[in-house]
Amino acid sequence: MIKLEKAIIVEGKYDKIRLENIVDAPIIVTNGFSVFKDKDKLELIKRLAQKSGIIILTDSDSAGLMIRSYLKGCIPPELITHIYIPEILGKEKRKVKPSSDGLLGVEGIDDSLLLEAFSRASVLCEKADEKGRQVTHTDLFELGLSGSDNSKALRQSLLKKLSLPSKMSTNSMLTAINALYDYDEFVSLAKSTKVD
């Protein structure tokens, strides 16, 4: 498994699920073209880029290239590593028909081809800094951010305080928190958060 500090930006949740088999890194989903209108998501991606750089890994079809181009226009080029997958005709198993371009996306590419794409971008050579303790679901529970009557309101207040998108799922929130904050820093911020 490749361990990276840089966040990987992908188009959809199935791309994320696919990558989690071969990469230990924060993986952020653009939800396709919705990133064009989602200012909070774009701000999160910019923050991740400033902190440790990002990797853009979109499909090789026209939609993927459009999303990649949009992100390239929003983030300084020195903060971006581009990984391109090969153009392979086909469709993903879960889909009824292929994409409009008829190409496999990130979710449909074999592990060996994904690893080769990472290698071509010289990403396999990177070493992630040893991170300290990661924030977990148990930590969120112990901090009152899940499992209690006011945990949703407390989470919303914390997301606002951290300038993170308000509609993030708990899993997405954990990914962003672990990419942007160390454990002690996060716990301190969480403990000082009050419901608005």
N, C-alpha and C. Protein backbone atom coordinates (compact mmCIF):
# COMPACT_ATOMS: atom_id res chain seq x y z
N MET A 1 0.84 -1.19 0.00
CA MET A 1 0.00 0.00 0.00
C MET A 1 0.89 1.25 0.00
N ILE A 2 0.49 2.22 -0.81
CA ILE A 2 1.22 3.49 -0.90
C ILE A 2 0.72 4.40 0.22
N LYS A 3 1.64 4.93 1.01
CA LYS A 3 1.26 5.86 2.08
C LYS A 3 1.69 7.26 1.66
N LEU A 4 0.72 8.18 1.58
CA LEU A 4 0.99 9.53 1.13
C LEU A 4 0.42 10.57 2.09
N GLU A 5 1.09 11.70 2.13
CA GLU A 5 0.57 12.82 2.91
C GLU A 5 -0.36 13.68 2.07
N LYS A 6 -0.05 13.78 0.77
CA LYS A 6 -0.89 14.60 -0.11
C LYS A 6 -2.28 14.01 -0.23
N ALA A 7 -3.27 14.89 -0.27
CA ALA A 7 -4.65 14.46 -0.50
C ALA A 7 -4.82 14.15 -1.98
N ILE A 8 -5.61 13.13 -2.26
CA ILE A 8 -5.91 12.75 -3.64
C ILE A 8 -7.33 13.22 -3.95
N ILE A 9 -7.47 13.93 -5.05
CA ILE A 9 -8.77 14.45 -5.46
C ILE A 9 -9.31 13.57 -6.58
N VAL A 10 -10.48 12.97 -6.35
CA VAL A 10 -11.12 12.10 -7.34
C VAL A 10 -12.53 12.60 -7.61
N GLU A 11 -13.15 12.05 -8.66
CA GLU A 11 -14.48 12.52 -9.06
C GLU A 11 -15.61 11.98 -8.19
N GLY A 12 -15.60 10.69 -7.90
CA GLY A 12 -16.76 10.10 -7.24
C GLY A 12 -16.42 9.13 -6.12
N LYS A 13 -17.46 8.72 -5.41
CA LYS A 13 -17.27 7.84 -4.25
C LYS A 13 -16.73 6.47 -4.65
N TYR A 14 -17.07 5.99 -5.84
CA TYR A 14 -16.56 4.68 -6.26
C TYR A 14 -15.06 4.76 -6.59
N ASP A 15 -14.62 5.92 -7.07
CA ASP A 15 -13.18 6.13 -7.29
C ASP A 15 -12.46 6.07 -5.94
N LYS A 16 -13.06 6.72 -4.94
CA LYS A 16 -12.48 6.74 -3.60
C LYS A 16 -12.39 5.33 -3.04
N ILE A 17 -13.47 4.58 -3.15
CA ILE A 17 -13.48 3.20 -2.65
C ILE A 17 -12.40 2.38 -3.35
N ARG A 18 -12.26 2.57 -4.64
CA ARG A 18 -11.25 1.84 -5.44
C ARG A 18 -9.84 2.15 -4.94
N LEU A 19 -9.56 3.43 -4.71
CA LEU A 19 -8.21 3.84 -4.30
C LEU A 19 -7.86 3.41 -2.89
N GLU A 20 -8.86 3.32 -2.03
CA GLU A 20 -8.61 2.93 -0.64
C GLU A 20 -7.98 1.54 -0.54
N ASN A 21 -8.06 0.75 -1.61
CA ASN A 21 -7.44 -0.58 -1.63
C ASN A 21 -5.93 -0.52 -1.83
N ILE A 22 -5.43 0.58 -2.42
CA ILE A 22 -4.00 0.64 -2.73
C ILE A 22 -3.27 1.84 -2.15
N VAL A 23 -4.03 2.82 -1.62
CA VAL A 23 -3.41 4.06 -1.14
C VAL A 23 -3.90 4.39 0.27
N ASP A 24 -2.96 4.74 1.12
CA ASP A 24 -3.28 5.25 2.46
C ASP A 24 -3.02 6.75 2.41
N ALA A 25 -4.08 7.50 2.14
CA ALA A 25 -3.97 8.96 1.99
C ALA A 25 -5.36 9.56 2.15
N PRO A 26 -5.42 10.86 2.46
CA PRO A 26 -6.74 11.50 2.44
C PRO A 26 -7.26 11.50 1.00
N ILE A 27 -8.49 11.09 0.80
CA ILE A 27 -9.09 11.07 -0.54
C ILE A 27 -10.35 11.92 -0.49
N ILE A 28 -10.39 12.95 -1.33
CA ILE A 28 -11.49 13.89 -1.37
C ILE A 28 -12.25 13.71 -2.68
N VAL A 29 -13.56 13.64 -2.59
CA VAL A 29 -14.43 13.44 -3.75
C VAL A 29 -15.02 14.77 -4.19
N THR A 30 -14.92 15.07 -5.49
CA THR A 30 -15.49 16.32 -6.02
C THR A 30 -16.99 16.20 -6.26
N ASN A 31 -17.50 14.98 -6.27
CA ASN A 31 -18.89 14.73 -6.67
C ASN A 31 -19.14 15.27 -8.08
N GLY A 32 -18.22 14.92 -8.97
CA GLY A 32 -18.35 15.32 -10.37
C GLY A 32 -18.34 16.83 -10.53
N PHE A 33 -19.23 17.31 -11.38
CA PHE A 33 -19.27 18.74 -11.71
C PHE A 33 -19.78 19.60 -10.56
N SER A 34 -20.31 19.01 -9.51
CA SER A 34 -20.82 19.84 -8.41
C SER A 34 -19.72 20.66 -7.75
N VAL A 35 -18.45 20.28 -7.95
CA VAL A 35 -17.35 21.07 -7.39
C VAL A 35 -17.32 22.48 -8.01
N PHE A 36 -17.90 22.63 -9.21
CA PHE A 36 -17.92 23.95 -9.86
C PHE A 36 -18.76 24.94 -9.06
N LYS A 37 -19.76 24.46 -8.34
CA LYS A 37 -20.66 25.33 -7.58
C LYS A 37 -20.44 25.25 -6.07
N ASP A 38 -19.72 24.24 -5.63
CA ASP A 38 -19.54 24.01 -4.19
C ASP A 38 -18.31 24.77 -3.70
N LYS A 39 -18.52 26.00 -3.28
CA LYS A 39 -17.41 26.85 -2.83
C LYS A 39 -16.71 26.27 -1.60
N ASP A 40 -17.47 25.65 -0.71
CA ASP A 40 -16.88 25.05 0.49
C ASP A 40 -15.93 23.91 0.13
N LYS A 41 -16.35 23.07 -0.81
CA LYS A 41 -15.50 21.94 -1.23
C LYS A 41 -14.22 22.47 -1.88
N LEU A 42 -14.37 23.49 -2.72
CA LEU A 42 -13.19 24.08 -3.37
C LEU A 42 -12.25 24.68 -2.34
N GLU A 43 -12.79 25.35 -1.33
CA GLU A 43 -11.94 25.92 -0.28
C GLU A 43 -11.21 24.83 0.49
N LEU A 44 -11.87 23.71 0.75
CA LEU A 44 -11.22 22.58 1.41
C LEU A 44 -10.06 22.07 0.55
N ILE A 45 -10.29 21.91 -0.73
CA ILE A 45 -9.23 21.43 -1.63
C ILE A 45 -8.06 22.41 -1.65
N LYS A 46 -8.36 23.70 -1.67
CA LYS A 46 -7.29 24.72 -1.65
C LYS A 46 -6.49 24.64 -0.35
N ARG A 47 -7.17 24.45 0.78
CA ARG A 47 -6.47 24.34 2.07
C ARG A 47 -5.57 23.12 2.10
N LEU A 48 -6.07 22.01 1.59
CA LEU A 48 -5.25 20.79 1.54
C LEU A 48 -4.04 21.00 0.64
N ALA A 49 -4.23 21.69 -0.47
CA ALA A 49 -3.12 21.97 -1.39
C ALA A 49 -2.06 22.82 -0.70
N GLN A 50 -2.49 23.84 0.04
CA GLN A 50 -1.54 24.71 0.75
C GLN A 50 -0.80 23.95 1.84
N LYS A 51 -1.49 23.03 2.51
CA LYS A 51 -0.87 22.29 3.62
C LYS A 51 0.19 21.31 3.14
N SER A 52 -0.15 20.47 2.16
CA SER A 52 0.80 19.44 1.76
C SER A 52 0.80 19.13 0.27
N GLY A 53 0.06 19.89 -0.50
CA GLY A 53 -0.06 19.60 -1.93
C GLY A 53 -1.18 18.60 -2.17
N ILE A 54 -1.66 18.54 -3.41
CA ILE A 54 -2.71 17.60 -3.75
C ILE A 54 -2.32 16.81 -4.99
N ILE A 55 -2.98 15.69 -5.15
CA ILE A 55 -2.84 14.86 -6.35
C ILE A 55 -4.20 14.85 -7.02
N ILE A 56 -4.24 15.22 -8.29
CA ILE A 56 -5.50 15.15 -9.04
C ILE A 56 -5.49 13.87 -9.86
N LEU A 57 -6.49 13.04 -9.62
CA LEU A 57 -6.63 11.76 -10.32
C LEU A 57 -8.07 11.64 -10.80
N THR A 58 -8.32 12.17 -11.99
CA THR A 58 -9.66 12.09 -12.56
C THR A 58 -9.65 11.10 -13.72
N ASP A 59 -10.84 10.77 -14.18
CA ASP A 59 -10.96 9.88 -15.34
C ASP A 59 -10.34 10.55 -16.57
N SER A 60 -10.05 9.73 -17.58
CA SER A 60 -9.44 10.26 -18.80
C SER A 60 -10.47 10.73 -19.82
N ASP A 61 -11.74 10.71 -19.46
CA ASP A 61 -12.77 11.16 -20.38
C ASP A 61 -12.90 12.68 -20.34
N SER A 62 -13.79 13.22 -21.18
CA SER A 62 -13.92 14.68 -21.26
C SER A 62 -14.39 15.29 -19.94
N ALA A 63 -15.25 14.60 -19.21
CA ALA A 63 -15.71 15.13 -17.91
C ALA A 63 -14.55 15.22 -16.93
N GLY A 64 -13.75 14.17 -16.85
CA GLY A 64 -12.59 14.16 -15.95
C GLY A 64 -11.59 15.26 -16.30
N LEU A 65 -11.37 15.46 -17.59
CA LEU A 65 -10.43 16.49 -18.02
C LEU A 65 -10.97 17.89 -17.71
N MET A 66 -12.29 18.06 -17.78
CA MET A 66 -12.90 19.35 -17.47
C MET A 66 -12.75 19.66 -15.97
N ILE A 67 -12.96 18.67 -15.13
CA ILE A 67 -12.81 18.86 -13.68
C ILE A 67 -11.34 19.16 -13.35
N ARG A 68 -10.43 18.41 -13.97
CA ARG A 68 -8.99 18.63 -13.76
C ARG A 68 -8.62 20.06 -14.17
N SER A 69 -9.10 20.50 -15.32
CA SER A 69 -8.80 21.84 -15.82
C SER A 69 -9.32 22.92 -14.87
N TYR A 70 -10.52 22.71 -14.34
CA TYR A 70 -11.10 23.67 -13.40
C TYR A 70 -10.22 23.79 -12.15
N LEU A 71 -9.82 22.65 -11.59
CA LEU A 71 -8.97 22.68 -10.39
C LEU A 71 -7.61 23.31 -10.68
N LYS A 72 -7.06 23.03 -11.86
CA LYS A 72 -5.78 23.64 -12.25
C LYS A 72 -5.87 25.16 -12.29
N GLY A 73 -7.05 25.68 -12.65
CA GLY A 73 -7.24 27.12 -12.71
C GLY A 73 -7.44 27.76 -11.34
N CYS A 74 -7.70 26.95 -10.32
CA CYS A 74 -7.98 27.47 -8.98
C CYS A 74 -6.82 27.32 -8.00
N ILE A 75 -5.87 26.46 -8.33
CA ILE A 75 -4.80 26.11 -7.40
C ILE A 75 -3.45 26.32 -8.08
N PRO A 76 -2.49 26.92 -7.38
CA PRO A 76 -1.17 27.13 -7.99
C PRO A 76 -0.57 25.80 -8.49
N PRO A 77 0.01 25.81 -9.68
CA PRO A 77 0.50 24.56 -10.29
C PRO A 77 1.56 23.83 -9.47
N GLU A 78 2.35 24.57 -8.70
CA GLU A 78 3.39 23.92 -7.91
C GLU A 78 2.83 23.09 -6.75
N LEU A 79 1.54 23.25 -6.46
CA LEU A 79 0.91 22.50 -5.37
C LEU A 79 0.16 21.26 -5.88
N ILE A 80 0.20 21.05 -7.20
CA ILE A 80 -0.56 19.96 -7.81
C ILE A 80 0.37 18.92 -8.42
N THR A 81 0.08 17.65 -8.14
CA THR A 81 0.70 16.53 -8.86
C THR A 81 -0.43 15.91 -9.68
N HIS A 82 -0.18 15.72 -10.96
CA HIS A 82 -1.19 15.13 -11.83
C HIS A 82 -0.88 13.66 -12.06
N ILE A 83 -1.90 12.84 -11.89
CA ILE A 83 -1.79 11.43 -12.24
C ILE A 83 -2.86 11.16 -13.29
N TYR A 84 -2.43 10.56 -14.38
CA TYR A 84 -3.34 10.26 -15.48
C TYR A 84 -3.45 8.75 -15.64
N ILE A 85 -4.68 8.29 -15.81
CA ILE A 85 -4.88 6.86 -16.08
C ILE A 85 -4.95 6.67 -17.59
N PRO A 86 -4.61 5.47 -18.07
CA PRO A 86 -4.65 5.24 -19.51
C PRO A 86 -6.09 5.23 -20.04
N GLU A 87 -6.24 5.54 -21.31
CA GLU A 87 -7.54 5.48 -21.95
C GLU A 87 -7.80 4.03 -22.36
N ILE A 88 -8.73 3.40 -21.68
CA ILE A 88 -9.07 2.01 -21.95
C ILE A 88 -10.58 1.95 -22.21
N LEU A 89 -10.94 1.43 -23.38
CA LEU A 89 -12.36 1.28 -23.70
C LEU A 89 -13.00 0.25 -22.79
N GLY A 90 -14.22 0.54 -22.37
CA GLY A 90 -14.95 -0.39 -21.52
C GLY A 90 -15.92 0.33 -20.62
N LYS A 91 -16.55 -0.45 -19.73
CA LYS A 91 -17.47 0.12 -18.75
C LYS A 91 -17.25 -0.56 -17.41
N GLU A 92 -17.55 0.16 -16.36
CA GLU A 92 -17.42 -0.39 -15.02
C GLU A 92 -18.52 -1.43 -14.79
N LYS A 93 -18.23 -2.43 -13.98
CA LYS A 93 -19.16 -3.53 -13.73
C LYS A 93 -20.50 -3.07 -13.19
N ARG A 94 -20.49 -2.04 -12.36
CA ARG A 94 -21.73 -1.59 -11.72
C ARG A 94 -22.62 -0.79 -12.67
N LYS A 95 -22.09 -0.35 -13.80
CA LYS A 95 -22.85 0.49 -14.72
C LYS A 95 -23.55 -0.34 -15.79
N VAL A 96 -24.68 0.17 -16.24
CA VAL A 96 -25.44 -0.49 -17.30
C VAL A 96 -24.80 -0.23 -18.66
N LYS A 97 -24.32 0.98 -18.85
CA LYS A 97 -23.67 1.33 -20.12
C LYS A 97 -22.40 2.13 -19.85
N PRO A 98 -21.50 2.18 -20.80
CA PRO A 98 -20.24 2.93 -20.60
C PRO A 98 -20.48 4.44 -20.52
N SER A 99 -19.46 5.15 -20.11
CA SER A 99 -19.53 6.62 -20.06
C SER A 99 -19.72 7.15 -21.48
N SER A 100 -20.02 8.43 -21.60
CA SER A 100 -20.26 9.01 -22.94
C SER A 100 -19.04 8.86 -23.85
N ASP A 101 -17.84 8.83 -23.26
CA ASP A 101 -16.62 8.64 -24.06
C ASP A 101 -16.28 7.16 -24.23
N GLY A 102 -16.99 6.28 -23.52
CA GLY A 102 -16.76 4.84 -23.64
C GLY A 102 -15.48 4.35 -22.97
N LEU A 103 -14.97 5.12 -22.01
CA LEU A 103 -13.70 4.78 -21.36
C LEU A 103 -13.91 4.34 -19.92
N LEU A 104 -13.05 3.44 -19.46
CA LEU A 104 -13.05 3.07 -18.04
C LEU A 104 -12.58 4.27 -17.22
N GLY A 105 -13.17 4.44 -16.06
CA GLY A 105 -12.74 5.49 -15.15
C GLY A 105 -11.80 4.92 -14.11
N VAL A 106 -11.45 5.73 -13.13
CA VAL A 106 -10.54 5.32 -12.05
C VAL A 106 -11.06 4.05 -11.39
N GLU A 107 -12.37 3.99 -11.15
CA GLU A 107 -12.93 2.82 -10.46
C GLU A 107 -12.80 1.53 -11.25
N GLY A 108 -12.64 1.61 -12.56
CA GLY A 108 -12.59 0.41 -13.39
C GLY A 108 -11.20 -0.06 -13.76
N ILE A 109 -10.17 0.68 -13.37
CA ILE A 109 -8.79 0.36 -13.74
C ILE A 109 -8.21 -0.68 -12.78
N ASP A 110 -7.43 -1.61 -13.31
CA ASP A 110 -6.75 -2.61 -12.49
C ASP A 110 -5.74 -1.97 -11.55
N ASP A 111 -5.50 -2.63 -10.42
CA ASP A 111 -4.50 -2.16 -9.45
C ASP A 111 -3.15 -1.90 -10.11
N SER A 112 -2.73 -2.85 -10.95
CA SER A 112 -1.40 -2.72 -11.57
C SER A 112 -1.31 -1.46 -12.42
N LEU A 113 -2.37 -1.12 -13.14
CA LEU A 113 -2.36 0.09 -13.96
C LEU A 113 -2.41 1.36 -13.11
N LEU A 114 -3.15 1.30 -11.99
CA LEU A 114 -3.17 2.44 -11.08
C LEU A 114 -1.78 2.66 -10.47
N LEU A 115 -1.16 1.58 -10.03
CA LEU A 115 0.19 1.70 -9.45
C LEU A 115 1.18 2.23 -10.48
N GLU A 116 1.03 1.78 -11.71
CA GLU A 116 1.91 2.27 -12.79
C GLU A 116 1.69 3.77 -13.01
N ALA A 117 0.43 4.23 -12.94
CA ALA A 117 0.14 5.65 -13.10
C ALA A 117 0.76 6.46 -11.97
N PHE A 118 0.70 5.95 -10.73
CA PHE A 118 1.35 6.62 -9.60
C PHE A 118 2.86 6.66 -9.81
N SER A 119 3.41 5.58 -10.31
CA SER A 119 4.85 5.50 -10.54
C SER A 119 5.29 6.51 -11.61
N ARG A 120 4.53 6.59 -12.71
CA ARG A 120 4.87 7.54 -13.77
C ARG A 120 4.89 8.98 -13.25
N ALA A 121 4.06 9.27 -12.27
CA ALA A 121 4.01 10.62 -11.70
C ALA A 121 5.02 10.79 -10.57
N SER A 122 5.88 9.78 -10.37
CA SER A 122 6.90 9.78 -9.31
C SER A 122 6.30 9.90 -7.92
N VAL A 123 5.09 9.41 -7.75
CA VAL A 123 4.43 9.49 -6.46
C VAL A 123 4.82 8.31 -5.57
N LEU A 124 5.19 7.20 -6.14
CA LEU A 124 5.61 6.06 -5.33
C LEU A 124 6.88 6.36 -4.55
N CYS A 125 7.63 7.35 -5.01
CA CYS A 125 8.88 7.70 -4.36
C CYS A 125 8.67 8.59 -3.14
N GLU A 126 7.49 9.18 -3.05
CA GLU A 126 7.23 10.08 -1.92
C GLU A 126 7.13 9.30 -0.64
N LYS A 127 7.55 9.93 0.43
CA LYS A 127 7.38 9.34 1.75
C LYS A 127 6.56 10.30 2.57
N ALA A 128 5.49 9.79 3.10
CA ALA A 128 4.67 10.63 3.97
C ALA A 128 5.39 10.79 5.30
N ASP A 129 5.31 11.99 5.85
CA ASP A 129 5.87 12.18 7.18
C ASP A 129 5.11 11.29 8.15
N GLU A 130 5.83 10.82 9.14
CA GLU A 130 5.15 10.00 10.14
C GLU A 130 4.20 10.89 10.91
N LYS A 131 2.94 10.55 10.82
CA LYS A 131 1.94 11.33 11.54
C LYS A 131 1.74 10.73 12.90
N GLY A 132 1.33 11.56 13.79
CA GLY A 132 1.00 11.09 15.13
C GLY A 132 -0.34 10.39 15.11
N ARG A 133 -0.94 10.33 16.24
CA ARG A 133 -2.23 9.67 16.39
C ARG A 133 -3.29 10.32 15.52
N GLN A 134 -4.09 9.51 14.84
CA GLN A 134 -5.17 9.99 13.99
C GLN A 134 -6.45 10.13 14.81
N VAL A 135 -7.31 11.05 14.41
CA VAL A 135 -8.62 11.22 15.02
C VAL A 135 -9.53 10.11 14.48
N THR A 136 -10.28 9.46 15.37
CA THR A 136 -11.12 8.33 14.98
C THR A 136 -12.59 8.61 15.31
N HIS A 137 -13.46 7.70 14.87
CA HIS A 137 -14.88 7.80 15.21
C HIS A 137 -15.07 7.75 16.73
N THR A 138 -14.26 6.94 17.41
CA THR A 138 -14.35 6.85 18.87
C THR A 138 -14.04 8.20 19.50
N ASP A 139 -13.03 8.90 18.98
CA ASP A 139 -12.71 10.23 19.50
C ASP A 139 -13.89 11.18 19.33
N LEU A 140 -14.54 11.11 18.17
CA LEU A 140 -15.69 11.98 17.93
C LEU A 140 -16.79 11.69 18.95
N PHE A 141 -17.00 10.41 19.24
CA PHE A 141 -18.01 10.02 20.23
C PHE A 141 -17.63 10.56 21.61
N GLU A 142 -16.37 10.37 21.99
CA GLU A 142 -15.91 10.81 23.31
C GLU A 142 -15.96 12.34 23.46
N LEU A 143 -15.83 13.05 22.35
CA LEU A 143 -15.89 14.51 22.38
C LEU A 143 -17.32 15.04 22.23
N GLY A 144 -18.28 14.12 22.13
CA GLY A 144 -19.68 14.51 22.00
C GLY A 144 -20.09 14.89 20.59
N LEU A 145 -19.23 14.62 19.62
CA LEU A 145 -19.52 14.98 18.24
C LEU A 145 -20.33 13.92 17.50
N SER A 146 -20.57 12.80 18.14
CA SER A 146 -21.46 11.78 17.60
C SER A 146 -22.09 11.02 18.77
N GLY A 147 -23.28 10.48 18.52
CA GLY A 147 -23.92 9.63 19.50
C GLY A 147 -24.66 10.32 20.63
N SER A 148 -24.76 11.64 20.62
CA SER A 148 -25.51 12.33 21.68
C SER A 148 -26.62 13.19 21.05
N ASP A 149 -27.49 13.70 21.89
CA ASP A 149 -28.63 14.47 21.40
C ASP A 149 -28.23 15.71 20.60
N ASN A 150 -27.18 16.39 21.05
CA ASN A 150 -26.79 17.62 20.35
C ASN A 150 -25.52 17.45 19.51
N SER A 151 -25.15 16.22 19.19
CA SER A 151 -23.89 16.01 18.46
C SER A 151 -23.93 16.62 17.05
N LYS A 152 -25.08 16.57 16.38
CA LYS A 152 -25.17 17.15 15.04
C LYS A 152 -24.92 18.65 15.10
N ALA A 153 -25.56 19.31 16.04
CA ALA A 153 -25.38 20.77 16.18
C ALA A 153 -23.93 21.10 16.55
N LEU A 154 -23.34 20.29 17.42
CA LEU A 154 -21.95 20.51 17.81
C LEU A 154 -21.01 20.30 16.62
N ARG A 155 -21.28 19.26 15.82
CA ARG A 155 -20.48 19.01 14.61
C ARG A 155 -20.59 20.19 13.65
N GLN A 156 -21.81 20.69 13.44
CA GLN A 156 -22.01 21.83 12.55
C GLN A 156 -21.24 23.06 13.03
N SER A 157 -21.27 23.29 14.32
CA SER A 157 -20.54 24.42 14.90
C SER A 157 -19.03 24.24 14.70
N LEU A 158 -18.54 23.02 14.92
CA LEU A 158 -17.12 22.74 14.73
C LEU A 158 -16.72 22.90 13.26
N LEU A 159 -17.53 22.38 12.34
CA LEU A 159 -17.23 22.52 10.91
C LEU A 159 -17.14 24.00 10.54
N LYS A 160 -18.04 24.80 11.07
CA LYS A 160 -18.02 26.24 10.80
C LYS A 160 -16.74 26.86 11.36
N LYS A 161 -16.39 26.49 12.57
CA LYS A 161 -15.19 27.00 13.22
C LYS A 161 -13.93 26.64 12.43
N LEU A 162 -13.90 25.43 11.85
CA LEU A 162 -12.74 24.94 11.10
C LEU A 162 -12.79 25.36 9.63
N SER A 163 -13.82 26.11 9.25
CA SER A 163 -14.04 26.53 7.85
C SER A 163 -14.07 25.33 6.91
N LEU A 164 -14.80 24.30 7.32
CA LEU A 164 -14.99 23.11 6.50
C LEU A 164 -16.43 23.10 5.99
N PRO A 165 -16.69 22.42 4.87
CA PRO A 165 -18.06 22.39 4.32
C PRO A 165 -19.07 21.87 5.34
N SER A 166 -20.18 22.54 5.46
CA SER A 166 -21.18 22.21 6.47
C SER A 166 -21.91 20.90 6.19
N LYS A 167 -21.93 20.44 4.95
CA LYS A 167 -22.67 19.24 4.60
C LYS A 167 -21.79 17.99 4.55
N MET A 168 -20.60 18.06 5.13
CA MET A 168 -19.70 16.91 5.11
C MET A 168 -20.28 15.77 5.93
N SER A 169 -20.10 14.55 5.42
CA SER A 169 -20.44 13.38 6.23
C SER A 169 -19.39 13.23 7.33
N THR A 170 -19.68 12.41 8.31
CA THR A 170 -18.72 12.19 9.39
C THR A 170 -17.41 11.63 8.85
N ASN A 171 -17.49 10.68 7.91
CA ASN A 171 -16.27 10.10 7.34
C ASN A 171 -15.46 11.15 6.58
N SER A 172 -16.14 11.99 5.80
CA SER A 172 -15.43 13.05 5.08
C SER A 172 -14.81 14.04 6.04
N MET A 173 -15.52 14.34 7.11
CA MET A 173 -15.00 15.25 8.13
C MET A 173 -13.72 14.68 8.74
N LEU A 174 -13.71 13.39 9.07
CA LEU A 174 -12.51 12.76 9.63
C LEU A 174 -11.34 12.82 8.66
N THR A 175 -11.60 12.57 7.38
CA THR A 175 -10.54 12.65 6.36
C THR A 175 -9.92 14.04 6.35
N ALA A 176 -10.77 15.07 6.31
CA ALA A 176 -10.27 16.45 6.27
C ALA A 176 -9.53 16.81 7.55
N ILE A 177 -10.08 16.44 8.70
CA ILE A 177 -9.45 16.77 9.98
C ILE A 177 -8.08 16.13 10.08
N ASN A 178 -7.98 14.85 9.72
CA ASN A 178 -6.69 14.16 9.81
C ASN A 178 -5.67 14.68 8.80
N ALA A 179 -6.15 15.29 7.72
CA ALA A 179 -5.23 15.87 6.75
C ALA A 179 -4.77 17.27 7.15
N LEU A 180 -5.62 17.99 7.89
CA LEU A 180 -5.32 19.39 8.20
C LEU A 180 -4.80 19.64 9.61
N TYR A 181 -5.13 18.77 10.56
CA TYR A 181 -4.78 19.02 11.97
C TYR A 181 -4.12 17.80 12.59
N ASP A 182 -3.25 18.04 13.56
CA ASP A 182 -2.76 16.90 14.32
C ASP A 182 -3.77 16.62 15.44
N TYR A 183 -3.64 15.50 16.07
CA TYR A 183 -4.62 15.03 17.06
C TYR A 183 -4.83 16.05 18.18
N ASP A 184 -3.76 16.48 18.82
CA ASP A 184 -3.87 17.39 19.96
C ASP A 184 -4.51 18.72 19.58
N GLU A 185 -4.13 19.23 18.41
CA GLU A 185 -4.69 20.49 17.93
C GLU A 185 -6.20 20.34 17.71
N PHE A 186 -6.60 19.23 17.10
CA PHE A 186 -8.03 19.01 16.86
C PHE A 186 -8.80 18.88 18.18
N VAL A 187 -8.29 18.08 19.11
CA VAL A 187 -8.99 17.89 20.38
C VAL A 187 -9.18 19.22 21.09
N SER A 188 -8.16 20.06 21.08
CA SER A 188 -8.26 21.38 21.69
C SER A 188 -9.35 22.21 21.03
N LEU A 189 -9.40 22.19 19.70
CA LEU A 189 -10.42 22.95 18.97
C LEU A 189 -11.82 22.38 19.26
N ALA A 190 -11.92 21.06 19.27
CA ALA A 190 -13.22 20.42 19.52
C ALA A 190 -13.73 20.72 20.91
N LYS A 191 -12.85 20.66 21.90
CA LYS A 191 -13.27 20.90 23.29
C LYS A 191 -13.71 22.35 23.51
N SER A 192 -13.17 23.27 22.72
CA SER A 192 -13.54 24.67 22.89
C SER A 192 -14.74 25.07 22.04
N THR A 193 -15.30 24.13 21.31
CA THR A 193 -16.45 24.42 20.45
C THR A 193 -17.75 24.33 21.23
N LYS A 194 -18.57 25.32 21.04
CA LYS A 194 -19.89 25.36 21.67
C LYS A 194 -20.95 25.39 20.58
N VAL A 195 -22.13 24.92 20.89
CA VAL A 195 -23.24 24.97 19.93
C VAL A 195 -23.67 26.40 19.77
N ASP A 196 -23.81 26.82 18.49
CA ASP A 196 -24.23 28.21 18.22
C ASP A 196 -25.65 28.45 18.65
